[in-house]
Amino acid sequence: MKAWQHLRTILHHKNLVRKGCFKVGLYKQGIMHDWSKYTPTEFLVGCRYYQGTASPNNAERADKGYSSAWLHHKGRNKHHLEYWIDYAADTGYMTGMRMPTKYVVEMFIDRISASKNYQHENYTDRSPLEYYEKGKGHYIMHEETRALLEQLLQMLADEGEEKVFDYIRTDILKNKRKKD
């Protein structure tokens, strides 16, 4: 088991998310982000399947056919789009529910931080968009949530982190807090 390496990866990721959340004014989310990763259900799996270059959940999934850690994690963390999948009242089909803006922003910052954490010196401001585009075809996401996430990812790729964080703080969160 690689407990120390896994713990260092979690701490580094949480520190990156905290810094990003603090820059946009989401202080509570910056502190509380991913606390479930310290539960035995998630932490022990992370230690066992630690690789350092990708999520241990992917390795557990490859080994078992599913990830118990991910199933636990996504059900407890509102910044994951999977948390917001439910049955639509009108059709009965599974659909993405609209995520409150503060969780879309945290999801965006989480994607930046995960990319930095695993790509290290190869990270660019295009990395989170490129990763998103590889999997977006299978995401079940509300259209407003998708539009905001894609807008932020594209802005990051085109204009950089400082500009997009300023935009989130001054335009997105300031105007949306009353709605959520």
Protein backbone atom coordinates (compact mmCIF):
# COMPACT_ATOMS: atom_id res chain seq x y z
CA MET A 1 0.00 0.00 0.00
CA LYS A 2 1.14 3.48 -0.79
CA ALA A 3 -0.63 5.38 1.98
CA TRP A 4 1.87 8.22 2.28
CA GLN A 5 1.95 8.91 -1.48
CA HIS A 6 -1.83 8.79 -1.70
CA LEU A 7 -2.23 11.12 1.28
CA ARG A 8 0.24 13.57 -0.27
CA THR A 9 -1.73 13.50 -3.55
CA ILE A 10 -5.02 14.17 -1.72
CA LEU A 11 -3.50 16.99 0.31
CA HIS A 12 -1.94 18.59 -2.75
CA HIS A 13 -5.24 18.37 -4.66
CA LYS A 14 -7.23 19.80 -1.75
CA ASN A 15 -4.71 22.63 -1.40
CA LEU A 16 -5.09 23.51 -5.10
CA VAL A 17 -8.89 23.44 -4.83
CA ARG A 18 -8.79 25.51 -1.64
CA LYS A 19 -6.64 28.17 -3.29
CA GLY A 20 -8.94 28.30 -6.32
CA CYS A 21 -12.11 28.44 -4.25
CA PHE A 22 -10.66 31.18 -2.05
CA LYS A 23 -9.76 33.22 -5.16
CA VAL A 24 -13.42 33.25 -6.22
CA GLY A 25 -14.88 33.68 -2.72
CA LEU A 26 -16.08 30.12 -2.03
CA TYR A 27 -14.35 29.81 1.35
CA LYS A 28 -16.49 27.07 2.92
CA GLN A 29 -16.25 24.91 -0.19
CA GLY A 30 -12.51 25.47 -0.33
CA ILE A 31 -12.18 24.12 3.20
CA MET A 32 -14.75 21.31 2.96
CA HIS A 33 -13.79 20.01 -0.51
CA ASP A 34 -13.47 16.20 -0.76
CA TRP A 35 -13.50 15.40 2.95
CA SER A 36 -14.98 12.01 2.09
CA LYS A 37 -11.58 11.02 0.65
CA TYR A 38 -10.42 10.49 4.24
CA THR A 39 -13.10 7.87 4.99
CA PRO A 40 -11.90 4.26 4.97
CA THR A 41 -14.16 3.46 1.98
CA GLU A 42 -12.25 5.92 -0.19
CA PHE A 43 -8.86 6.26 1.47
CA LEU A 44 -7.98 2.56 1.64
CA VAL A 45 -8.93 2.02 -1.99
CA GLY A 46 -6.80 5.03 -2.92
CA CYS A 47 -3.83 3.56 -1.07
CA ARG A 48 -4.22 0.15 -2.67
CA TYR A 49 -4.63 1.44 -6.24
CA TYR A 50 -2.35 4.47 -6.04
CA GLN A 51 -0.46 5.20 -9.28
CA GLY A 52 0.43 8.89 -9.00
CA THR A 53 -0.48 9.70 -12.60
CA ALA A 54 -4.23 9.00 -12.60
CA SER A 55 -7.11 8.49 -10.20
CA PRO A 56 -6.87 5.27 -8.18
CA ASN A 57 -10.60 4.89 -8.86
CA ASN A 58 -9.78 4.11 -12.50
CA ALA A 59 -7.40 1.35 -11.42
CA GLU A 60 -9.98 -0.11 -9.01
CA ARG A 61 -12.56 0.03 -11.82
CA ALA A 62 -10.20 -1.81 -14.17
CA ASP A 63 -9.52 -4.46 -11.52
CA LYS A 64 -13.07 -5.02 -10.19
CA GLY A 65 -15.32 -3.71 -12.94
CA TYR A 66 -16.52 -0.86 -10.70
CA SER A 67 -15.09 1.57 -8.19
CA SER A 68 -16.49 1.36 -4.69
CA ALA A 69 -14.54 4.49 -3.77
CA TRP A 70 -16.07 6.47 -6.64
CA LEU A 71 -19.60 5.28 -5.89
CA HIS A 72 -19.10 6.49 -2.32
CA HIS A 73 -17.42 9.75 -3.35
CA LYS A 74 -19.90 10.96 -5.98
CA GLY A 75 -22.83 10.41 -3.64
CA ARG A 76 -21.38 12.70 -0.97
CA ASN A 77 -19.86 15.57 -2.93
CA LYS A 78 -22.19 18.04 -4.62
CA HIS A 79 -19.49 19.36 -6.96
CA HIS A 80 -19.72 16.15 -9.01
CA LEU A 81 -22.23 16.14 -11.84
CA GLU A 82 -23.08 12.52 -11.01
CA TYR A 83 -24.47 13.65 -7.65
CA TRP A 84 -27.16 15.55 -9.59
CA ILE A 85 -28.44 12.68 -11.75
CA ASP A 86 -32.02 11.71 -10.95
CA TYR A 87 -35.19 10.50 -12.63
CA ALA A 88 -37.10 13.24 -14.45
CA ALA A 89 -40.59 13.72 -13.03
CA ASP A 90 -42.17 14.04 -16.47
CA THR A 91 -40.49 11.14 -18.33
CA GLY A 92 -39.18 8.84 -15.63
CA TYR A 93 -35.81 8.70 -17.43
CA MET A 94 -32.52 9.50 -15.76
CA THR A 95 -31.44 13.06 -16.42
CA GLY A 96 -29.08 15.69 -15.12
CA MET A 97 -30.57 18.15 -12.66
CA ARG A 98 -29.45 21.79 -12.68
CA MET A 99 -26.52 22.20 -10.34
CA PRO A 100 -26.39 25.29 -8.14
CA THR A 101 -23.81 27.68 -9.58
CA LYS A 102 -21.44 27.42 -6.61
CA TYR A 103 -21.09 23.67 -7.21
CA VAL A 104 -20.50 24.14 -10.95
CA VAL A 105 -17.71 26.56 -10.04
CA GLU A 106 -16.26 24.08 -7.53
CA MET A 107 -16.46 21.35 -10.20
CA PHE A 108 -14.59 23.62 -12.60
CA ILE A 109 -11.88 24.33 -10.01
CA ASP A 110 -11.74 20.62 -9.15
CA ARG A 111 -11.05 19.82 -12.82
CA ILE A 112 -8.23 22.36 -12.95
CA SER A 113 -6.73 21.00 -9.74
CA ALA A 114 -6.97 17.35 -10.82
CA SER A 115 -5.28 18.20 -14.12
CA LYS A 116 -2.47 20.03 -12.31
CA ASN A 117 -2.14 17.22 -9.77
CA TYR A 118 -1.72 14.46 -12.36
CA GLN A 119 -0.07 16.32 -15.24
CA HIS A 120 2.45 18.26 -13.16
CA GLU A 121 4.75 20.24 -15.48
CA ASN A 122 2.76 19.17 -18.57
CA TYR A 123 -0.31 21.08 -17.37
CA THR A 124 -1.57 23.97 -19.49
CA ASP A 125 -4.74 26.03 -19.20
CA ARG A 126 -6.11 23.88 -22.07
CA SER A 127 -5.66 20.62 -20.11
CA PRO A 128 -9.01 20.65 -18.24
CA LEU A 129 -10.91 21.42 -21.48
CA GLU A 130 -9.10 18.67 -23.37
CA TYR A 131 -9.86 16.15 -20.61
CA TYR A 132 -13.52 17.22 -20.53
CA GLU A 133 -13.87 16.92 -24.30
CA LYS A 134 -12.60 13.32 -24.23
CA GLY A 135 -15.53 12.22 -22.06
CA LYS A 136 -18.29 14.77 -22.59
CA GLY A 137 -20.29 12.48 -24.87
CA HIS A 138 -21.27 10.24 -21.96
CA TYR A 139 -21.94 12.93 -19.34
CA ILE A 140 -25.53 13.18 -18.15
CA MET A 141 -25.74 16.88 -17.34
CA HIS A 142 -28.40 19.58 -17.25
CA GLU A 143 -28.08 21.92 -20.24
CA GLU A 144 -27.50 25.02 -18.06
CA THR A 145 -24.84 23.21 -16.02
CA ARG A 146 -23.15 22.00 -19.21
CA ALA A 147 -23.24 25.48 -20.77
CA LEU A 148 -21.64 27.14 -17.74
CA LEU A 149 -18.97 24.48 -17.31
CA GLU A 150 -18.06 24.58 -21.00
CA GLN A 151 -17.99 28.40 -20.97
CA LEU A 152 -15.57 28.40 -18.04
CA LEU A 153 -13.36 25.67 -19.50
CA GLN A 154 -13.16 27.48 -22.84
CA MET A 155 -12.43 30.80 -21.15
CA LEU A 156 -9.67 29.17 -19.13
CA ALA A 157 -8.13 27.73 -22.31
CA ASP A 158 -8.39 31.03 -24.18
CA GLU A 159 -7.71 33.65 -21.52
CA GLY A 160 -6.03 31.94 -18.56
CA GLU A 161 -6.74 31.23 -14.92
CA GLU A 162 -6.48 34.75 -13.52
CA LYS A 163 -9.00 36.12 -16.02
CA VAL A 164 -11.54 33.31 -15.55
CA PHE A 165 -11.30 33.41 -11.75
CA ASP A 166 -11.88 37.17 -11.82
CA TYR A 167 -14.88 36.64 -14.11
CA ILE A 168 -16.30 33.96 -11.77
CA ARG A 169 -15.89 36.18 -8.70
CA THR A 170 -17.20 39.43 -10.21
CA ASP A 171 -19.82 38.21 -12.69
CA ILE A 172 -20.89 34.60 -12.17
CA LEU A 173 -21.09 34.27 -8.39
CA LYS A 174 -22.07 37.84 -7.65
CA ASN A 175 -25.08 37.61 -10.00
CA LYS A 176 -26.09 34.01 -9.27
CA ARG A 177 -26.03 33.86 -5.46
CA LYS A 178 -29.56 35.21 -5.29
CA LYS A 179 -30.88 32.45 -7.60
CA ASP A 180 -29.32 29.38 -5.95
